[in-house]
Amino acid sequence: MRQSVHLRPRLEAVQALLGKQRIVADIGCDHGRLGVALLQRARCARVIAIDVSRDSIKKAEALMKLTHTEPTKMILRLGDGFTALSRGETDAVVLAGMGGTLMTRLLQACAEPLQGAQIGVFQPMRAVEDIRRYLHKS
């Protein structure tokens, strides 16, 4: 039997803001809960889950196995932010659970805003003013 992933309210809010997308990149995916939940709820066809931490990628991989998530549907990548994405590879990007200063750094390092994605959902845990300031100027 496949185990369902339940999201806490903050990730439920992210999921609601995303709507239904074809491909979603979860940058800073940590445990992979958002990506698995999006697939289970048919909110997208594919997730690219990216994290800079090998331990986080291992946690996401373990969750995929537990929930029988197809590796062709959720692609795990070790990388630093948008550097792990190609232009136009995704319809939406999520940056959640990190600080606004780090989000700003990741966006500034991106050659093209959001690597061509049409939707960005940002949920800073601290330094909210940094990401707001950056987005207002962009």
N, C-alpha and C. Protein backbone atom coordinates (compact mmCIF):
# COMPACT_ATOMS: atom_id res chain seq x y z
N MET A 1 0.83 -1.18 0.00
CA MET A 1 0.00 0.00 0.00
C MET A 1 0.88 1.25 0.00
N ARG A 2 0.52 2.21 -0.82
CA ARG A 2 1.26 3.45 -0.94
C ARG A 2 0.91 4.40 0.20
N GLN A 3 1.91 4.94 0.84
CA GLN A 3 1.71 5.86 1.95
C GLN A 3 1.50 7.27 1.42
N SER A 4 0.49 7.96 1.93
CA SER A 4 0.22 9.34 1.52
C SER A 4 1.07 10.30 2.35
N VAL A 5 1.51 11.36 1.71
CA VAL A 5 2.27 12.39 2.39
C VAL A 5 1.31 13.50 2.80
N HIS A 6 1.37 13.85 4.06
CA HIS A 6 0.57 14.96 4.57
C HIS A 6 1.48 16.16 4.76
N LEU A 7 1.02 17.31 4.33
CA LEU A 7 1.81 18.52 4.43
C LEU A 7 1.37 19.36 5.62
N ARG A 8 2.34 20.01 6.22
CA ARG A 8 2.04 20.98 7.27
C ARG A 8 1.45 22.22 6.61
N PRO A 9 0.81 23.08 7.38
CA PRO A 9 0.14 24.25 6.79
C PRO A 9 1.01 25.12 5.89
N ARG A 10 2.28 25.31 6.24
CA ARG A 10 3.11 26.19 5.40
C ARG A 10 3.33 25.60 4.01
N LEU A 11 3.50 24.27 3.91
CA LEU A 11 3.66 23.66 2.59
C LEU A 11 2.32 23.49 1.89
N GLU A 12 1.25 23.37 2.63
CA GLU A 12 -0.09 23.37 2.02
C GLU A 12 -0.32 24.71 1.32
N ALA A 13 0.13 25.80 1.95
CA ALA A 13 -0.01 27.12 1.35
C ALA A 13 0.78 27.22 0.05
N VAL A 14 1.99 26.67 0.04
CA VAL A 14 2.81 26.67 -1.18
C VAL A 14 2.09 25.90 -2.28
N GLN A 15 1.60 24.72 -1.94
CA GLN A 15 0.90 23.87 -2.90
C GLN A 15 -0.31 24.60 -3.49
N ALA A 16 -1.06 25.30 -2.64
CA ALA A 16 -2.23 26.04 -3.10
C ALA A 16 -1.84 27.16 -4.06
N LEU A 17 -0.75 27.87 -3.76
CA LEU A 17 -0.31 28.96 -4.62
C LEU A 17 0.19 28.48 -5.98
N LEU A 18 0.72 27.28 -6.02
CA LEU A 18 1.23 26.73 -7.28
C LEU A 18 0.12 26.45 -8.27
N GLY A 19 -1.04 26.06 -7.76
CA GLY A 19 -2.09 25.61 -8.68
C GLY A 19 -1.67 24.30 -9.32
N LYS A 20 -2.07 24.10 -10.54
CA LYS A 20 -1.70 22.88 -11.26
C LYS A 20 -0.69 23.25 -12.34
N GLN A 21 0.46 22.62 -12.29
CA GLN A 21 1.56 22.91 -13.22
C GLN A 21 2.01 21.61 -13.88
N ARG A 22 2.73 21.74 -14.97
CA ARG A 22 3.27 20.55 -15.64
C ARG A 22 4.53 20.07 -14.93
N ILE A 23 5.51 20.95 -14.76
CA ILE A 23 6.77 20.60 -14.11
C ILE A 23 7.10 21.66 -13.06
N VAL A 24 7.37 21.20 -11.84
CA VAL A 24 7.69 22.09 -10.73
C VAL A 24 9.10 21.78 -10.23
N ALA A 25 9.90 22.82 -10.03
CA ALA A 25 11.21 22.66 -9.40
C ALA A 25 11.10 23.11 -7.95
N ASP A 26 11.46 22.23 -7.04
CA ASP A 26 11.49 22.54 -5.61
C ASP A 26 12.95 22.74 -5.24
N ILE A 27 13.35 24.00 -5.17
CA ILE A 27 14.74 24.34 -4.88
C ILE A 27 14.91 24.43 -3.37
N GLY A 28 15.79 23.60 -2.84
CA GLY A 28 15.94 23.47 -1.40
C GLY A 28 14.89 22.50 -0.87
N CYS A 29 14.76 21.37 -1.55
CA CYS A 29 13.67 20.41 -1.31
C CYS A 29 13.74 19.71 0.04
N ASP A 30 14.89 19.70 0.68
CA ASP A 30 15.10 19.02 1.95
C ASP A 30 14.61 17.58 1.88
N HIS A 31 13.53 17.24 2.54
CA HIS A 31 13.03 15.86 2.65
C HIS A 31 12.20 15.42 1.46
N GLY A 32 11.83 16.35 0.57
CA GLY A 32 11.06 15.99 -0.62
C GLY A 32 9.57 15.87 -0.41
N ARG A 33 9.07 16.27 0.74
CA ARG A 33 7.64 16.11 1.05
C ARG A 33 6.75 16.88 0.07
N LEU A 34 7.13 18.10 -0.25
CA LEU A 34 6.30 18.89 -1.16
C LEU A 34 6.20 18.22 -2.52
N GLY A 35 7.33 17.80 -3.06
CA GLY A 35 7.33 17.16 -4.38
C GLY A 35 6.49 15.90 -4.43
N VAL A 36 6.64 15.04 -3.44
CA VAL A 36 5.86 13.79 -3.40
C VAL A 36 4.37 14.11 -3.29
N ALA A 37 4.03 15.07 -2.43
CA ALA A 37 2.63 15.44 -2.25
C ALA A 37 2.04 16.01 -3.55
N LEU A 38 2.79 16.84 -4.24
CA LEU A 38 2.31 17.40 -5.52
C LEU A 38 2.00 16.28 -6.51
N LEU A 39 2.86 15.30 -6.58
CA LEU A 39 2.64 14.17 -7.49
C LEU A 39 1.46 13.32 -7.05
N GLN A 40 1.37 13.03 -5.77
CA GLN A 40 0.26 12.22 -5.26
C GLN A 40 -1.08 12.90 -5.50
N ARG A 41 -1.11 14.21 -5.43
CA ARG A 41 -2.36 14.96 -5.61
C ARG A 41 -2.61 15.35 -7.07
N ALA A 42 -1.75 14.88 -7.96
CA ALA A 42 -1.84 15.18 -9.39
C ALA A 42 -1.84 16.68 -9.66
N ARG A 43 -1.02 17.41 -8.90
CA ARG A 43 -0.88 18.85 -9.09
C ARG A 43 0.17 19.18 -10.14
N CYS A 44 0.96 18.16 -10.52
CA CYS A 44 1.94 18.32 -11.58
C CYS A 44 2.29 16.94 -12.13
N ALA A 45 2.94 16.93 -13.28
CA ALA A 45 3.33 15.67 -13.90
C ALA A 45 4.73 15.24 -13.48
N ARG A 46 5.57 16.22 -13.13
CA ARG A 46 6.95 15.92 -12.77
C ARG A 46 7.47 16.98 -11.81
N VAL A 47 8.37 16.54 -10.92
CA VAL A 47 9.02 17.43 -9.96
C VAL A 47 10.53 17.27 -10.12
N ILE A 48 11.21 18.39 -10.13
CA ILE A 48 12.67 18.38 -10.06
C ILE A 48 13.01 18.90 -8.67
N ALA A 49 13.47 18.01 -7.82
CA ALA A 49 13.77 18.33 -6.42
C ALA A 49 15.27 18.55 -6.28
N ILE A 50 15.65 19.75 -5.87
CA ILE A 50 17.05 20.15 -5.82
C ILE A 50 17.43 20.53 -4.40
N ASP A 51 18.59 20.08 -3.97
CA ASP A 51 19.11 20.52 -2.67
C ASP A 51 20.63 20.52 -2.72
N VAL A 52 21.23 21.39 -1.94
CA VAL A 52 22.68 21.49 -1.86
C VAL A 52 23.26 20.43 -0.92
N SER A 53 22.40 19.81 -0.13
CA SER A 53 22.83 18.83 0.87
C SER A 53 22.62 17.39 0.40
N ARG A 54 23.68 16.59 0.45
CA ARG A 54 23.55 15.17 0.12
C ARG A 54 22.60 14.46 1.08
N ASP A 55 22.64 14.84 2.36
CA ASP A 55 21.74 14.24 3.34
C ASP A 55 20.27 14.52 2.99
N SER A 56 19.98 15.72 2.54
CA SER A 56 18.61 16.05 2.14
C SER A 56 18.18 15.23 0.94
N ILE A 57 19.06 15.07 -0.02
CA ILE A 57 18.74 14.25 -1.21
C ILE A 57 18.48 12.81 -0.79
N LYS A 58 19.26 12.31 0.17
CA LYS A 58 19.04 10.94 0.67
C LYS A 58 17.70 10.83 1.38
N LYS A 59 17.31 11.86 2.14
CA LYS A 59 15.99 11.85 2.81
C LYS A 59 14.87 11.84 1.77
N ALA A 60 15.03 12.64 0.73
CA ALA A 60 14.01 12.69 -0.32
C ALA A 60 13.93 11.35 -1.05
N GLU A 61 15.07 10.74 -1.29
CA GLU A 61 15.11 9.43 -1.94
C GLU A 61 14.41 8.37 -1.07
N ALA A 62 14.64 8.41 0.22
CA ALA A 62 13.99 7.46 1.14
C ALA A 62 12.47 7.66 1.14
N LEU A 63 12.02 8.91 1.11
CA LEU A 63 10.59 9.19 1.06
C LEU A 63 9.98 8.69 -0.24
N MET A 64 10.70 8.86 -1.33
CA MET A 64 10.22 8.36 -2.62
C MET A 64 10.03 6.84 -2.58
N LYS A 65 10.98 6.15 -1.99
CA LYS A 65 10.87 4.69 -1.88
C LYS A 65 9.69 4.30 -1.01
N LEU A 66 9.54 4.97 0.12
CA LEU A 66 8.45 4.68 1.05
C LEU A 66 7.08 4.88 0.40
N THR A 67 6.98 5.91 -0.43
CA THR A 67 5.70 6.26 -1.06
C THR A 67 5.54 5.69 -2.47
N HIS A 68 6.53 4.91 -2.91
CA HIS A 68 6.51 4.32 -4.26
C HIS A 68 6.39 5.37 -5.36
N THR A 69 7.08 6.48 -5.17
CA THR A 69 7.10 7.55 -6.17
C THR A 69 8.06 7.16 -7.28
N GLU A 70 7.60 7.23 -8.50
CA GLU A 70 8.42 6.85 -9.65
C GLU A 70 9.58 7.82 -9.84
N PRO A 71 10.80 7.29 -9.99
CA PRO A 71 11.96 8.16 -10.21
C PRO A 71 11.87 8.98 -11.50
N THR A 72 11.05 8.56 -12.45
CA THR A 72 10.87 9.35 -13.67
C THR A 72 9.95 10.54 -13.42
N LYS A 73 9.18 10.49 -12.33
CA LYS A 73 8.25 11.58 -11.99
C LYS A 73 8.89 12.60 -11.05
N MET A 74 9.80 12.14 -10.19
CA MET A 74 10.49 13.04 -9.26
C MET A 74 11.99 12.84 -9.43
N ILE A 75 12.59 13.82 -10.03
CA ILE A 75 14.02 13.78 -10.34
C ILE A 75 14.77 14.51 -9.23
N LEU A 76 15.70 13.83 -8.60
CA LEU A 76 16.50 14.42 -7.52
C LEU A 76 17.82 14.92 -8.07
N ARG A 77 18.18 16.14 -7.68
CA ARG A 77 19.45 16.72 -8.13
C ARG A 77 20.17 17.37 -6.95
N LEU A 78 21.44 17.08 -6.87
CA LEU A 78 22.31 17.75 -5.91
C LEU A 78 22.84 19.00 -6.61
N GLY A 79 22.57 20.16 -6.03
CA GLY A 79 23.03 21.39 -6.68
C GLY A 79 22.67 22.60 -5.85
N ASP A 80 23.23 23.72 -6.23
CA ASP A 80 23.03 24.98 -5.52
C ASP A 80 22.05 25.85 -6.28
N GLY A 81 20.81 25.78 -5.89
CA GLY A 81 19.79 26.65 -6.47
C GLY A 81 19.52 26.41 -7.93
N PHE A 82 19.43 27.50 -8.67
CA PHE A 82 19.06 27.45 -10.08
C PHE A 82 20.16 26.88 -10.97
N THR A 83 21.37 26.71 -10.43
CA THR A 83 22.45 26.16 -11.25
C THR A 83 22.17 24.72 -11.65
N ALA A 84 21.26 24.07 -10.95
CA ALA A 84 20.91 22.68 -11.26
C ALA A 84 19.76 22.59 -12.27
N LEU A 85 19.30 23.72 -12.77
CA LEU A 85 18.22 23.75 -13.76
C LEU A 85 18.69 24.33 -15.07
N SER A 86 18.12 23.86 -16.14
CA SER A 86 18.35 24.45 -17.46
C SER A 86 17.22 25.41 -17.77
N ARG A 87 17.49 26.37 -18.61
CA ARG A 87 16.48 27.34 -19.00
C ARG A 87 15.28 26.63 -19.64
N GLY A 88 14.09 27.00 -19.20
CA GLY A 88 12.86 26.46 -19.77
C GLY A 88 12.52 25.04 -19.34
N GLU A 89 13.24 24.51 -18.40
CA GLU A 89 13.04 23.12 -17.99
C GLU A 89 11.82 22.94 -17.09
N THR A 90 11.35 24.01 -16.51
CA THR A 90 10.26 23.91 -15.54
C THR A 90 9.26 25.04 -15.74
N ASP A 91 8.03 24.80 -15.33
CA ASP A 91 6.98 25.81 -15.43
C ASP A 91 6.90 26.68 -14.18
N ALA A 92 7.26 26.08 -13.04
CA ALA A 92 7.15 26.79 -11.76
C ALA A 92 8.32 26.40 -10.87
N VAL A 93 8.74 27.35 -10.03
CA VAL A 93 9.80 27.08 -9.07
C VAL A 93 9.31 27.45 -7.67
N VAL A 94 9.79 26.69 -6.70
CA VAL A 94 9.47 26.94 -5.30
C VAL A 94 10.78 27.13 -4.54
N LEU A 95 10.84 28.19 -3.77
CA LEU A 95 11.90 28.39 -2.79
C LEU A 95 11.19 28.58 -1.46
N ALA A 96 11.25 27.59 -0.59
CA ALA A 96 10.53 27.64 0.68
C ALA A 96 11.40 27.07 1.79
N GLY A 97 11.19 27.59 2.98
CA GLY A 97 11.88 27.05 4.14
C GLY A 97 13.30 27.53 4.33
N MET A 98 13.69 28.55 3.60
CA MET A 98 15.03 29.14 3.75
C MET A 98 14.84 30.63 4.01
N GLY A 99 15.91 31.31 4.27
CA GLY A 99 15.83 32.74 4.53
C GLY A 99 15.74 33.58 3.26
N GLY A 100 15.19 34.76 3.41
CA GLY A 100 15.06 35.68 2.28
C GLY A 100 16.40 36.12 1.71
N THR A 101 17.42 36.19 2.54
CA THR A 101 18.76 36.57 2.06
C THR A 101 19.30 35.49 1.13
N LEU A 102 19.15 34.23 1.50
CA LEU A 102 19.59 33.13 0.65
C LEU A 102 18.77 33.09 -0.64
N MET A 103 17.47 33.28 -0.55
CA MET A 103 16.64 33.31 -1.76
C MET A 103 17.12 34.38 -2.72
N THR A 104 17.43 35.55 -2.18
CA THR A 104 17.92 36.64 -3.01
C THR A 104 19.23 36.26 -3.69
N ARG A 105 20.14 35.64 -2.94
CA ARG A 105 21.41 35.22 -3.52
C ARG A 105 21.18 34.22 -4.65
N LEU A 106 20.29 33.26 -4.44
CA LEU A 106 20.01 32.25 -5.48
C LEU A 106 19.42 32.89 -6.72
N LEU A 107 18.52 33.85 -6.54
CA LEU A 107 17.91 34.53 -7.69
C LEU A 107 18.92 35.40 -8.42
N GLN A 108 19.78 36.07 -7.69
CA GLN A 108 20.80 36.92 -8.31
C GLN A 108 21.80 36.10 -9.13
N ALA A 109 22.05 34.87 -8.70
CA ALA A 109 23.00 34.01 -9.41
C ALA A 109 22.40 33.39 -10.66
N CYS A 110 21.12 33.53 -10.84
CA CYS A 110 20.42 32.94 -11.97
C CYS A 110 20.60 33.82 -13.21
N ALA A 111 21.06 33.23 -14.31
CA ALA A 111 21.30 33.99 -15.54
C ALA A 111 20.03 34.65 -16.06
N GLU A 112 18.93 33.94 -15.97
CA GLU A 112 17.64 34.47 -16.41
C GLU A 112 16.65 34.30 -15.26
N PRO A 113 15.81 35.27 -15.00
CA PRO A 113 14.87 35.13 -13.88
C PRO A 113 14.12 33.80 -13.92
N LEU A 114 14.22 33.07 -12.82
CA LEU A 114 13.55 31.78 -12.63
C LEU A 114 13.88 30.75 -13.70
N GLN A 115 14.96 30.95 -14.44
CA GLN A 115 15.37 30.04 -15.52
C GLN A 115 14.22 29.82 -16.51
N GLY A 116 13.40 30.84 -16.72
CA GLY A 116 12.33 30.78 -17.70
C GLY A 116 11.00 30.28 -17.16
N ALA A 117 10.94 29.88 -15.90
CA ALA A 117 9.66 29.43 -15.32
C ALA A 117 8.69 30.61 -15.27
N GLN A 118 7.42 30.33 -15.40
CA GLN A 118 6.39 31.37 -15.40
C GLN A 118 5.90 31.74 -14.01
N ILE A 119 6.07 30.82 -13.04
CA ILE A 119 5.57 31.04 -11.69
C ILE A 119 6.68 30.79 -10.69
N GLY A 120 6.79 31.67 -9.71
CA GLY A 120 7.71 31.48 -8.60
C GLY A 120 6.96 31.64 -7.29
N VAL A 121 7.11 30.68 -6.40
CA VAL A 121 6.50 30.76 -5.08
C VAL A 121 7.64 30.82 -4.07
N PHE A 122 7.65 31.90 -3.28
CA PHE A 122 8.71 32.14 -2.30
C PHE A 122 8.09 32.17 -0.91
N GLN A 123 8.68 31.41 0.00
CA GLN A 123 8.19 31.38 1.37
C GLN A 123 9.38 31.48 2.32
N PRO A 124 9.85 32.72 2.54
CA PRO A 124 11.01 32.89 3.43
C PRO A 124 10.65 32.65 4.89
N MET A 125 11.59 32.06 5.61
CA MET A 125 11.39 31.80 7.03
C MET A 125 11.91 32.96 7.89
N ARG A 126 12.80 33.75 7.33
CA ARG A 126 13.33 34.94 8.01
C ARG A 126 13.86 35.88 6.92
N ALA A 127 14.25 37.06 7.30
CA ALA A 127 14.76 38.08 6.37
C ALA A 127 13.81 38.29 5.19
N VAL A 128 12.53 38.35 5.52
CA VAL A 128 11.50 38.56 4.50
C VAL A 128 11.74 39.84 3.73
N GLU A 129 12.21 40.87 4.42
CA GLU A 129 12.43 42.16 3.76
C GLU A 129 13.48 42.07 2.64
N ASP A 130 14.45 41.18 2.76
CA ASP A 130 15.47 41.04 1.73
C ASP A 130 14.88 40.56 0.41
N ILE A 131 14.07 39.52 0.46
CA ILE A 131 13.48 39.00 -0.78
C ILE A 131 12.44 39.96 -1.33
N ARG A 132 11.69 40.60 -0.45
CA ARG A 132 10.71 41.60 -0.92
C ARG A 132 11.39 42.74 -1.64
N ARG A 133 12.48 43.23 -1.07
CA ARG A 133 13.23 44.34 -1.67
C ARG A 133 13.77 43.93 -3.04
N TYR A 134 14.33 42.73 -3.11
CA TYR A 134 14.88 42.25 -4.38
C TYR A 134 13.78 42.11 -5.44
N LEU A 135 12.67 41.51 -5.07
CA LEU A 135 11.58 41.32 -6.03
C LEU A 135 10.98 42.64 -6.47
N HIS A 136 10.89 43.59 -5.57
CA HIS A 136 10.35 44.90 -5.91
C HIS A 136 11.24 45.62 -6.93
N LYS A 137 12.55 45.45 -6.80
CA LYS A 137 13.49 46.09 -7.71
C LYS A 137 13.58 45.39 -9.06
N SER A 138 13.27 44.12 -9.10
CA SER A 138 13.42 43.33 -10.34
C SER A 138 12.31 43.57 -11.32
